Structure formats: structure tokens, C-alpha cells
Amino acid sequence: MTLLFTESLVVGGATGFFAGLLGVGGGFIMIPLLTVMGVPIHTAVGTCLAFVACSGLAGILQHVRQRSIDPIIALTMTLPATLMAMVSAHFSSLVSRPVLHVLFSLLRLAPASRPLQMLPASSPTASRWYILHRQRIIGDIPYHYDFDMMKAILSGLATGILSGFFGIGGGVFLVPVTAVVLRVPLRVTVGTSLAVFILPAMFGAFTHWRQGNVDVGLWLPLVVAGIVGSQVGARCVVHMPPEMLQRLFLLLVLAGAVFMLVKGLTE
């Protein structure tokens, strides 16, 4: 019991740190670690999503103080993401454990297939009504960018599906999409993506809890350690160059993908 509690604190702290640092919910980090601890994949999915909701709330406070959240983008994406998270959470328990392991690993490989580089600017779209010009100042550095609301709504729908089904906040998908497709600067993307998936995670976790896939005893130490870790990670993000954040993100994604793929194929 003591060993499990200690392992939970370590896993929660590490997940919270990278969640605050990279602007992700941490599910793509925590779920592989929970399976290493021997937690069944379906329980790991539900418990992790409950963790994501709480740790995200803690991590977002620091991003609010740093003004690294674009509220317009966050609001545009949150509603469709929340609706789809509630729907997709119902289907997660219907998938067998080996299949869920393999699907999770393939999901992790998708963002690693393309570097987090913004697409070239496209001037003809700038005059369309659903394109908004945005500006954020983070650490005395101004960031100017155009925001496509249509793409954001579609991205929110996809994020909600992944969040509810795989038990992740959706940041592993949302961070690359926001930076590459929506052309939002990475330092704005980090805080904004964290704000987007909190509400979908809350509703998705509630659905998983009703299905018996949330281990409350495991969840509590994960959340306590995760809150501390997320605060530290959010403070570190303004001191790290975007290139380092990108490399760290891809390294964590690839490492977890390989582990989950091997586990799914050998279980």
C-alpha cells in the first residue's frame, strides 16, 4: 500500500510538471506510467481523465497570471470539445484492453509525425469574417497572429473525441494542431490548450466514473502531487526556448507510444 502511494505521488508529480510545462493534460504521460504500476488500461483511462481535470485547473492559474491564454480561442474550442468528450467516453469501455493499448500508441505517434512548425501565412484568408487578428504579450514579448474560428471548432470536436475515449486532456493532439494548423505561437498555444481541455476532461471523467473506471483511492495522491508539479512546470515555460519545448514534447510522445504498442501487442 505504501509503495503504491509513493508510486502514485511520483507519477502525479511528473505528470503535473510536464502538463504545466507543455500545455497538455498529461494523459499521454500518465496512462503508460499507470499501466507500468499494474493499473488496468480502462481504469487508467478514467482515473487519468479525472486527474487531468483537476491538475489542469491548478496549472491554468499560472498561465492566467502570465497572460499566455487566448480567451477567444479557448472559448471557441471548449464547447465542441466538451460535447464530444461526453459522447466518446461511453464507447471507451467497449474496446478490449489490447486494442485500446495499440490505439493509444498510434494516437501518440500522430503528433510526432510532423514538427511543431507553423504553416506559411496565407494572406487571402485574412479578410474573411471568421479570421480574427489576435495579439498576446507574454514576458514582455508581443505575439501577433490570425485565428481561424472554423478550424478551431473542428479541432475542438476532434479533441473532445480523443479526450473522452482515451482519457487524455487532448493536449497531445491539441498542441500540434493549434501551433501548426491554427498558426498560434507556441507560447500562446501552451496556456490556451490547457484552458481548452479542462471542461471536456471534467465531463468525460464524470462519464467514466459512472461506468466504474475511476479509482478514487489512486486519484487522490495523483492529484495532490500533480497540482504541485503543474505549478512548477507552468513557471518554467517562460524560461525555456520554444525549440526545447518542441523536442521534449516529441521525445515524451515517442517513448510512451513505443511502450504502449509493445504492451498492446504482447498482452
Protein backbone atom coordinates (compact mmCIF):
# COMPACT_ATOMS: atom_id res chain seq x y z
CA MET A 1 0.00 0.00 0.00
CA THR A 2 2.85 2.39 0.92
CA LEU A 3 4.69 1.54 -2.30
CA LEU A 4 1.58 2.17 -4.39
CA PHE A 5 1.04 5.50 -2.64
CA THR A 6 4.66 6.54 -3.26
CA GLU A 7 4.45 5.49 -6.89
CA SER A 8 1.25 7.50 -7.27
CA LEU A 9 2.95 10.62 -5.87
CA VAL A 10 5.88 10.24 -8.28
CA VAL A 11 3.63 9.63 -11.28
CA GLY A 12 1.34 12.53 -10.34
CA GLY A 13 4.20 14.96 -9.75
CA ALA A 14 5.96 14.11 -13.01
CA THR A 15 2.74 14.27 -14.99
CA GLY A 16 1.74 17.60 -13.46
CA PHE A 17 5.14 19.12 -14.19
CA PHE A 18 5.06 18.24 -17.89
CA ALA A 19 1.39 19.23 -18.10
CA GLY A 20 2.16 22.75 -16.91
CA LEU A 21 5.34 22.95 -18.98
CA LEU A 22 3.96 21.71 -22.30
CA GLY A 23 0.33 22.81 -22.06
CA VAL A 24 -1.04 19.27 -22.11
CA GLY A 25 -3.29 17.46 -19.69
CA GLY A 26 -0.64 14.84 -19.07
CA GLY A 27 -2.73 11.82 -20.02
CA PHE A 28 -0.25 10.71 -22.65
CA ILE A 29 2.37 10.62 -19.88
CA MET A 30 0.31 9.25 -17.01
CA ILE A 31 -1.53 6.38 -18.70
CA PRO A 32 1.65 4.49 -19.68
CA LEU A 33 3.05 5.05 -16.18
CA LEU A 34 -0.14 3.77 -14.55
CA THR A 35 -0.05 0.63 -16.70
CA VAL A 36 3.53 0.08 -15.52
CA MET A 37 2.13 0.18 -11.97
CA GLY A 38 -0.28 -2.61 -12.97
CA VAL A 39 -3.42 -0.50 -13.28
CA PRO A 40 -5.84 -1.90 -15.92
CA ILE A 41 -6.00 0.28 -19.01
CA HIS A 42 -9.70 1.15 -18.67
CA THR A 43 -9.20 2.21 -15.04
CA ALA A 44 -6.09 4.14 -16.06
CA VAL A 45 -8.11 5.96 -18.73
CA GLY A 46 -10.92 7.01 -16.37
CA THR A 47 -8.67 7.88 -13.43
CA CYS A 48 -6.29 9.82 -15.63
CA LEU A 49 -9.08 11.90 -17.13
CA ALA A 50 -10.24 12.80 -13.60
CA PHE A 51 -6.65 13.78 -12.80
CA VAL A 52 -6.42 15.90 -15.96
CA ALA A 53 -9.45 17.94 -14.93
CA CYS A 54 -8.01 18.80 -11.50
CA SER A 55 -4.36 19.32 -12.45
CA GLY A 56 -5.41 21.45 -15.40
CA LEU A 57 -7.33 23.79 -13.10
CA ALA A 58 -4.23 24.20 -10.95
CA GLY A 59 -1.87 24.72 -13.87
CA ILE A 60 -4.09 27.25 -15.57
CA LEU A 61 -3.76 29.75 -12.71
CA GLN A 62 -0.12 30.41 -13.50
CA HIS A 63 -0.87 30.78 -17.21
CA VAL A 64 -3.59 33.32 -16.42
CA ARG A 65 -1.09 35.40 -14.46
CA GLN A 66 1.36 35.16 -17.36
CA ARG A 67 -1.36 36.12 -19.88
CA SER A 68 -0.41 33.12 -22.00
CA ILE A 69 -4.06 32.13 -22.60
CA ASP A 70 -6.05 33.48 -25.53
CA PRO A 71 -9.65 33.53 -24.18
CA ILE A 72 -11.29 33.79 -27.62
CA ILE A 73 -9.56 30.67 -28.92
CA ALA A 74 -10.23 28.81 -25.66
CA LEU A 75 -13.96 29.57 -25.66
CA THR A 76 -14.35 28.73 -29.35
CA MET A 77 -12.85 25.27 -28.92
CA THR A 78 -14.14 24.31 -25.47
CA LEU A 79 -17.85 23.84 -26.23
CA PRO A 80 -17.49 21.37 -29.15
CA ALA A 81 -14.74 19.55 -27.25
CA THR A 82 -16.96 19.11 -24.18
CA LEU A 83 -19.89 17.74 -26.15
CA MET A 84 -17.76 15.16 -27.97
CA ALA A 85 -15.93 14.12 -24.78
CA MET A 86 -19.20 13.11 -23.16
CA VAL A 87 -20.21 11.06 -26.20
CA SER A 88 -16.91 9.30 -26.82
CA ALA A 89 -16.42 8.33 -23.15
CA HIS A 90 -19.38 5.95 -23.46
CA PHE A 91 -17.59 3.91 -26.13
CA SER A 92 -14.20 3.53 -24.44
CA SER A 93 -15.28 0.62 -22.20
CA LEU A 94 -16.48 -1.34 -25.23
CA VAL A 95 -12.94 -1.73 -26.58
CA SER A 96 -10.73 -4.62 -25.39
CA ARG A 97 -7.56 -3.84 -23.45
CA PRO A 98 -5.01 -4.91 -26.13
CA VAL A 99 -6.84 -2.92 -28.80
CA LEU A 100 -7.01 0.14 -26.54
CA HIS A 101 -3.26 -0.12 -25.90
CA VAL A 102 -2.49 -0.22 -29.61
CA LEU A 103 -4.89 2.60 -30.45
CA PHE A 104 -3.37 4.72 -27.71
CA SER A 105 0.14 4.17 -29.08
CA LEU A 106 -0.96 5.10 -32.61
CA LEU A 107 -2.59 8.24 -31.26
CA ARG A 108 0.68 9.26 -29.65
CA LEU A 109 2.62 8.77 -32.86
CA ALA A 110 0.41 11.15 -34.86
CA PRO A 111 1.74 14.44 -33.41
CA ALA A 112 5.32 13.16 -33.66
CA SER A 113 4.98 12.67 -37.41
CA ARG A 114 5.23 16.43 -38.02
CA PRO A 115 7.37 19.02 -36.22
CA LEU A 116 5.60 21.85 -34.41
CA GLN A 117 6.24 24.45 -37.08
CA MET A 118 3.61 26.93 -38.16
CA LEU A 119 2.39 26.86 -41.73
CA PRO A 120 3.28 29.79 -44.00
CA ALA A 121 0.97 32.74 -43.66
CA SER A 122 -1.90 32.89 -46.10
CA SER A 123 -2.94 36.45 -46.90
CA PRO A 124 -6.18 35.78 -48.86
CA THR A 125 -7.96 34.35 -45.79
CA ALA A 126 -7.15 37.33 -43.60
CA SER A 127 -10.17 39.27 -44.92
CA ARG A 128 -12.75 36.55 -44.23
CA TRP A 129 -15.22 37.12 -41.39
CA TYR A 130 -14.16 34.05 -39.42
CA ILE A 131 -10.49 35.10 -39.36
CA LEU A 132 -9.66 37.20 -36.31
CA HIS A 133 -6.40 39.02 -35.70
CA ARG A 134 -5.11 38.38 -32.19
CA GLN A 135 -2.31 39.72 -30.01
CA ARG A 136 -0.88 38.50 -26.71
CA ILE A 137 2.07 39.84 -24.70
CA ILE A 138 3.95 37.15 -22.76
CA GLY A 139 7.06 38.05 -20.81
CA ASP A 140 7.18 41.50 -22.49
CA ILE A 141 7.28 39.84 -25.92
CA PRO A 142 4.33 40.65 -28.26
CA TYR A 143 2.85 37.87 -30.39
CA HIS A 144 0.64 38.69 -33.42
CA TYR A 145 -1.32 36.01 -35.26
CA ASP A 146 -4.55 35.33 -37.18
CA PHE A 147 -7.14 32.93 -35.77
CA ASP A 148 -9.42 30.76 -37.96
CA MET A 149 -12.64 30.07 -36.00
CA MET A 150 -13.84 27.31 -38.36
CA LYS A 151 -10.66 25.31 -38.00
CA ALA A 152 -10.79 25.87 -34.25
CA ILE A 153 -14.30 24.41 -33.96
CA LEU A 154 -13.29 21.31 -35.95
CA SER A 155 -10.17 20.95 -33.81
CA GLY A 156 -12.31 21.19 -30.68
CA LEU A 157 -14.58 18.38 -31.90
CA ALA A 158 -11.59 16.12 -32.57
CA THR A 159 -10.05 17.00 -29.22
CA GLY A 160 -13.24 16.02 -27.38
CA ILE A 161 -13.36 12.64 -29.10
CA LEU A 162 -9.78 11.85 -28.09
CA SER A 163 -10.27 13.17 -24.57
CA GLY A 164 -13.31 11.08 -23.72
CA PHE A 165 -12.18 7.89 -25.48
CA PHE A 166 -8.51 7.73 -24.45
CA GLY A 167 -8.67 9.52 -21.10
CA ILE A 168 -6.32 12.31 -22.15
CA GLY A 169 -6.90 16.03 -22.00
CA GLY A 170 -6.38 16.19 -25.74
CA GLY A 171 -3.28 18.36 -25.47
CA VAL A 172 -1.16 15.74 -27.23
CA PHE A 173 -3.36 16.43 -30.26
CA LEU A 174 -4.39 19.99 -29.48
CA VAL A 175 -0.91 21.47 -29.04
CA PRO A 176 0.35 20.43 -32.52
CA VAL A 177 -2.95 21.36 -34.18
CA THR A 178 -3.10 24.77 -32.54
CA ALA A 179 0.51 25.54 -33.43
CA VAL A 180 0.57 24.03 -36.94
CA VAL A 181 -2.97 24.38 -38.29
CA LEU A 182 -4.22 27.44 -36.43
CA ARG A 183 -0.79 29.12 -36.60
CA VAL A 184 -0.85 30.20 -32.97
CA PRO A 185 2.60 30.91 -31.42
CA LEU A 186 3.77 28.02 -29.26
CA ARG A 187 3.92 30.03 -26.03
CA VAL A 188 0.30 31.09 -26.53
CA THR A 189 -0.62 27.55 -27.55
CA VAL A 190 0.67 26.07 -24.29
CA GLY A 191 -1.59 28.06 -21.98
CA THR A 192 -4.58 28.12 -24.33
CA SER A 193 -4.63 24.37 -24.91
CA LEU A 194 -4.56 23.80 -21.17
CA ALA A 195 -7.63 26.01 -20.80
CA VAL A 196 -9.49 24.27 -23.63
CA PHE A 197 -9.50 20.72 -22.34
CA ILE A 198 -10.36 21.28 -18.67
CA LEU A 199 -14.13 21.27 -19.18
CA PRO A 200 -14.12 18.28 -21.59
CA ALA A 201 -11.97 16.40 -19.08
CA MET A 202 -14.44 17.10 -16.25
CA PHE A 203 -17.47 15.86 -18.18
CA GLY A 204 -15.58 12.91 -19.64
CA ALA A 205 -14.29 11.90 -16.20
CA PHE A 206 -17.81 12.01 -14.79
CA THR A 207 -18.97 9.64 -17.54
CA HIS A 208 -16.10 7.24 -16.79
CA TRP A 209 -16.87 7.42 -13.06
CA ARG A 210 -20.44 6.33 -13.72
CA GLN A 211 -19.03 3.33 -15.59
CA GLY A 212 -16.76 2.38 -12.66
CA ASN A 213 -13.50 3.32 -14.39
CA VAL A 214 -12.24 5.89 -11.83
CA ASP A 215 -10.17 4.66 -8.87
CA VAL A 216 -10.70 7.41 -6.28
CA GLY A 217 -8.05 6.00 -3.91
CA LEU A 218 -5.47 6.19 -6.67
CA TRP A 219 -6.73 9.52 -7.95
CA LEU A 220 -6.24 11.49 -4.71
CA PRO A 221 -2.42 11.20 -4.39
CA LEU A 222 -2.08 11.69 -8.14
CA VAL A 223 -3.96 15.00 -7.91
CA VAL A 224 -2.08 16.29 -4.86
CA ALA A 225 1.32 15.68 -6.45
CA GLY A 226 0.07 16.81 -9.85
CA ILE A 227 -1.07 20.20 -8.58
CA VAL A 228 2.39 20.91 -7.17
CA GLY A 229 4.10 19.69 -10.33
CA SER A 230 1.87 21.71 -12.65
CA GLN A 231 2.67 24.94 -10.81
CA VAL A 232 6.40 24.29 -11.19
CA GLY A 233 6.04 23.39 -14.85
CA ALA A 234 3.96 26.48 -15.66
CA ARG A 235 6.60 28.70 -14.06
CA CYS A 236 9.36 27.09 -16.11
CA VAL A 237 7.70 27.50 -19.52
CA VAL A 238 8.56 31.21 -19.91
CA HIS A 239 12.24 30.43 -19.32
CA MET A 240 12.55 27.71 -21.95
CA PRO A 241 13.00 28.34 -25.69
CA PRO A 242 10.22 27.00 -27.95
CA GLU A 243 12.69 24.67 -29.69
CA MET A 244 13.45 22.90 -26.42
CA LEU A 245 9.74 22.56 -25.61
CA GLN A 246 9.18 21.00 -29.03
CA ARG A 247 11.98 18.44 -28.63
CA LEU A 248 10.83 17.49 -25.13
CA PHE A 249 7.24 17.10 -26.30
CA LEU A 250 8.21 14.80 -29.19
CA LEU A 251 10.56 12.73 -27.00
CA LEU A 252 7.85 12.02 -24.43
CA VAL A 253 5.31 11.21 -27.14
CA LEU A 254 7.58 8.71 -28.90
CA ALA A 255 8.74 6.98 -25.71
CA GLY A 256 5.20 6.37 -24.49
CA ALA A 257 3.99 5.28 -27.93
CA VAL A 258 6.60 2.55 -28.19
CA PHE A 259 5.81 1.26 -24.70
CA MET A 260 2.04 1.13 -25.23
CA LEU A 261 2.42 -0.51 -28.63
CA VAL A 262 4.63 -3.26 -27.23
CA LYS A 263 2.27 -3.80 -24.31
CA GLY A 264 -0.76 -4.00 -26.57
CA LEU A 265 0.84 -6.50 -28.93
CA THR A 266 2.16 -8.74 -26.14
CA GLU A 267 -0.84 -8.71 -23.76
